Amino acid sequence: MSKYQIITLCGSIKYKKEFFQVQNQLTLAGNIVLMPCFFY
């Protein structure tokens, strides 16, 4: 059993700021976060 929870963020890339805020919170809480990487 994995000791880390893996979370995938999905949604519109127009919410770039929100993606990074949520990613930061979840990562600091001890999760592995996957999200889109094509904002630019």
PDB file of N, CA and C in Angstrom:
ATOM      1  N   MET A   1       0.846  -1.186   0.000  1.00  0.00           N
ATOM      2  CA  MET A   1       0.000   0.000   0.000  1.00  0.00           C
ATOM      3  C   MET A   1       0.890   1.247   0.000  1.00  0.00           C
ATOM      4  N   SER A   2       0.548   2.207  -0.831  1.00  0.00           N
ATOM      5  CA  SER A   2       1.310   3.447  -0.953  1.00  0.00           C
ATOM      6  C   SER A   2       1.087   4.327   0.273  1.00  0.00           C
ATOM      7  N   LYS A   3       2.150   4.961   0.735  1.00  0.00           N
ATOM      8  CA  LYS A   3       1.975   5.848   1.878  1.00  0.00           C
ATOM      9  C   LYS A   3       1.598   7.259   1.453  1.00  0.00           C
ATOM     10  N   TYR A   4       1.590   7.518   0.150  1.00  0.00           N
ATOM     11  CA  TYR A   4       1.199   8.815  -0.378  1.00  0.00           C
ATOM     12  C   TYR A   4      -0.089   8.688  -1.169  1.00  0.00           C
ATOM     13  N   GLN A   5      -0.915   9.710  -1.095  1.00  0.00           N
ATOM     14  CA  GLN A   5      -2.123   9.745  -1.908  1.00  0.00           C
ATOM     15  C   GLN A   5      -1.796  10.520  -3.180  1.00  0.00           C
ATOM     16  N   ILE A   6      -2.159   9.970  -4.332  1.00  0.00           N
ATOM     17  CA  ILE A   6      -1.917  10.622  -5.616  1.00  0.00           C
ATOM     18  C   ILE A   6      -3.229  11.248  -6.077  1.00  0.00           C
ATOM     19  N   ILE A   7      -3.186  12.557  -6.312  1.00  0.00           N
ATOM     20  CA  ILE A   7      -4.374  13.308  -6.701  1.00  0.00           C
ATOM     21  C   ILE A   7      -4.125  13.953  -8.058  1.00  0.00           C
ATOM     22  N   THR A   8      -5.086  13.816  -8.970  1.00  0.00           N
ATOM     23  CA  THR A   8      -4.987  14.429 -10.297  1.00  0.00           C
ATOM     24  C   THR A   8      -5.970  15.586 -10.378  1.00  0.00           C
ATOM     25  N   LEU A   9      -5.453  16.759 -10.733  1.00  0.00           N
ATOM     26  CA  LEU A   9      -6.302  17.929 -10.913  1.00  0.00           C
ATOM     27  C   LEU A   9      -6.685  18.023 -12.389  1.00  0.00           C
ATOM     28  N   CYS A  10      -7.966  18.148 -12.659  1.00  0.00           N
ATOM     29  CA  CYS A  10      -8.466  18.253 -14.031  1.00  0.00           C
ATOM     30  C   CYS A  10      -9.377  19.465 -14.122  1.00  0.00           C
ATOM     31  N   GLY A  11      -9.375  20.093 -15.278  1.00  0.00           N
ATOM     32  CA  GLY A  11     -10.262  21.232 -15.484  1.00  0.00           C
ATOM     33  C   GLY A  11      -9.740  22.130 -16.573  1.00  0.00           C
ATOM     34  N   SER A  12     -10.398  23.253 -16.724  1.00  0.00           N
ATOM     35  CA  SER A  12     -10.027  24.213 -17.747  1.00  0.00           C
ATOM     36  C   SER A  12      -8.720  24.902 -17.376  1.00  0.00           C
ATOM     37  N   ILE A  13      -7.828  25.051 -18.355  1.00  0.00           N
ATOM     38  CA  ILE A  13      -6.545  25.691 -18.080  1.00  0.00           C
ATOM     39  C   ILE A  13      -6.680  27.208 -17.920  1.00  0.00           C
ATOM     40  N   LYS A  14      -7.867  27.735 -18.097  1.00  0.00           N
ATOM     41  CA  LYS A  14      -8.048  29.161 -17.851  1.00  0.00           C
ATOM     42  C   LYS A  14      -8.005  29.476 -16.350  1.00  0.00           C
ATOM     43  N   TYR A  15      -8.040  28.431 -15.510  1.00  0.00           N
ATOM     44  CA  TYR A  15      -7.962  28.600 -14.057  1.00  0.00           C
ATOM     45  C   TYR A  15      -6.562  28.295 -13.542  1.00  0.00           C
ATOM     46  N   LYS A  16      -5.561  28.786 -14.244  1.00  0.00           N
ATOM     47  CA  LYS A  16      -4.158  28.527 -13.906  1.00  0.00           C
ATOM     48  C   LYS A  16      -3.843  28.897 -12.453  1.00  0.00           C
ATOM     49  N   LYS A  17      -4.246  30.073 -12.030  1.00  0.00           N
ATOM     50  CA  LYS A  17      -3.959  30.541 -10.669  1.00  0.00           C
ATOM     51  C   LYS A  17      -4.549  29.580  -9.634  1.00  0.00           C
ATOM     52  N   GLU A  18      -5.782  29.156  -9.839  1.00  0.00           N
ATOM     53  CA  GLU A  18      -6.442  28.251  -8.911  1.00  0.00           C
ATOM     54  C   GLU A  18      -5.771  26.870  -8.895  1.00  0.00           C
ATOM     55  N   PHE A  19      -5.341  26.393 -10.065  1.00  0.00           N
ATOM     56  CA  PHE A  19      -4.632  25.119 -10.130  1.00  0.00           C
ATOM     57  C   PHE A  19      -3.413  25.154  -9.217  1.00  0.00           C
ATOM     58  N   PHE A  20      -2.610  26.230  -9.324  1.00  0.00           N
ATOM     59  CA  PHE A  20      -1.390  26.307  -8.537  1.00  0.00           C
ATOM     60  C   PHE A  20      -1.676  26.474  -7.046  1.00  0.00           C
ATOM     61  N   GLN A  21      -2.735  27.189  -6.688  1.00  0.00           N
ATOM     62  CA  GLN A  21      -3.102  27.332  -5.278  1.00  0.00           C
ATOM     63  C   GLN A  21      -3.497  25.986  -4.678  1.00  0.00           C
ATOM     64  N   VAL A  22      -4.344  25.257  -5.378  1.00  0.00           N
ATOM     65  CA  VAL A  22      -4.803  23.958  -4.894  1.00  0.00           C
ATOM     66  C   VAL A  22      -3.639  22.960  -4.853  1.00  0.00           C
ATOM     67  N   GLN A  23      -2.813  22.980  -5.899  1.00  0.00           N
ATOM     68  CA  GLN A  23      -1.660  22.087  -5.928  1.00  0.00           C
ATOM     69  C   GLN A  23      -0.763  22.339  -4.719  1.00  0.00           C
ATOM     70  N   ASN A  24      -0.499  23.590  -4.407  1.00  0.00           N
ATOM     71  CA  ASN A  24       0.345  23.941  -3.282  1.00  0.00           C
ATOM     72  C   ASN A  24      -0.237  23.425  -1.967  1.00  0.00           C
ATOM     73  N   GLN A  25      -1.517  23.653  -1.751  1.00  0.00           N
ATOM     74  CA  GLN A  25      -2.173  23.197  -0.517  1.00  0.00           C
ATOM     75  C   GLN A  25      -2.112  21.683  -0.383  1.00  0.00           C
ATOM     76  N   LEU A  26      -2.421  20.971  -1.468  1.00  0.00           N
ATOM     77  CA  LEU A  26      -2.432  19.510  -1.415  1.00  0.00           C
ATOM     78  C   LEU A  26      -1.035  18.937  -1.240  1.00  0.00           C
ATOM     79  N   THR A  27      -0.048  19.554  -1.879  1.00  0.00           N
ATOM     80  CA  THR A  27       1.330  19.089  -1.751  1.00  0.00           C
ATOM     81  C   THR A  27       1.837  19.298  -0.328  1.00  0.00           C
ATOM     82  N   LEU A  28       1.561  20.446   0.244  1.00  0.00           N
ATOM     83  CA  LEU A  28       1.989  20.715   1.616  1.00  0.00           C
ATOM     84  C   LEU A  28       1.293  19.798   2.617  1.00  0.00           C
ATOM     85  N   ALA A  29       0.122  19.271   2.242  1.00  0.00           N
ATOM     86  CA  ALA A  29      -0.600  18.333   3.101  1.00  0.00           C
ATOM     87  C   ALA A  29      -0.065  16.909   2.955  1.00  0.00           C
ATOM     88  N   GLY A  30       0.962  16.719   2.103  1.00  0.00           N
ATOM     89  CA  GLY A  30       1.591  15.408   1.986  1.00  0.00           C
ATOM     90  C   GLY A  30       1.111  14.550   0.839  1.00  0.00           C
ATOM     91  N   ASN A  31       0.473  15.141  -0.149  1.00  0.00           N
ATOM     92  CA  ASN A  31      -0.031  14.394  -1.301  1.00  0.00           C
ATOM     93  C   ASN A  31       0.885  14.576  -2.508  1.00  0.00           C
ATOM     94  N   ILE A  32       0.768  13.672  -3.462  1.00  0.00           N
ATOM     95  CA  ILE A  32       1.414  13.811  -4.767  1.00  0.00           C
ATOM     96  C   ILE A  32       0.345  14.340  -5.707  1.00  0.00           C
ATOM     97  N   VAL A  33       0.611  15.476  -6.344  1.00  0.00           N
ATOM     98  CA  VAL A  33      -0.407  16.128  -7.172  1.00  0.00           C
ATOM     99  C   VAL A  33       0.039  16.149  -8.635  1.00  0.00           C
ATOM    100  N   LEU A  34      -0.827  15.665  -9.511  1.00  0.00           N
ATOM    101  CA  LEU A  34      -0.612  15.716 -10.955  1.00  0.00           C
ATOM    102  C   LEU A  34      -1.592  16.734 -11.517  1.00  0.00           C
ATOM    103  N   MET A  35      -1.093  17.566 -12.438  1.00  0.00           N
ATOM    104  CA  MET A  35      -1.944  18.589 -13.034  1.00  0.00           C
ATOM    105  C   MET A  35      -1.438  18.939 -14.420  1.00  0.00           C
ATOM    106  N   PRO A  36      -2.250  19.660 -15.207  1.00  0.00           N
ATOM    107  CA  PRO A  36      -1.807  20.046 -16.552  1.00  0.00           C
ATOM    108  C   PRO A  36      -0.507  20.843 -16.481  1.00  0.00           C
ATOM    109  N   CYS A  37       0.334  20.686 -17.482  1.00  0.00           N
ATOM    110  CA  CYS A  37       1.605  21.415 -17.491  1.00  0.00           C
ATOM    111  C   CYS A  37       1.759  22.204 -18.798  1.00  0.00           C
ATOM    112  N   PHE A  38       0.669  22.588 -19.402  1.00  0.00           N
ATOM    113  CA  PHE A  38       0.723  23.302 -20.684  1.00  0.00           C
ATOM    114  C   PHE A  38      -0.024  24.631 -20.592  1.00  0.00           C
ATOM    115  N   PHE A  39       0.297  25.424 -19.566  1.00  0.00           N
ATOM    116  CA  PHE A  39      -0.357  26.715 -19.375  1.00  0.00           C
ATOM    117  C   PHE A  39       0.240  27.786 -20.292  1.00  0.00           C
ATOM    118  N   TYR A  40       1.417  27.548 -20.837  1.00  0.00           N
ATOM    119  CA  TYR A  40       2.098  28.580 -21.619  1.00  0.00           C
ATOM    120  C   TYR A  40       2.135  28.218 -23.082  1.00  0.00           C
TER     121      TYR A  40
END
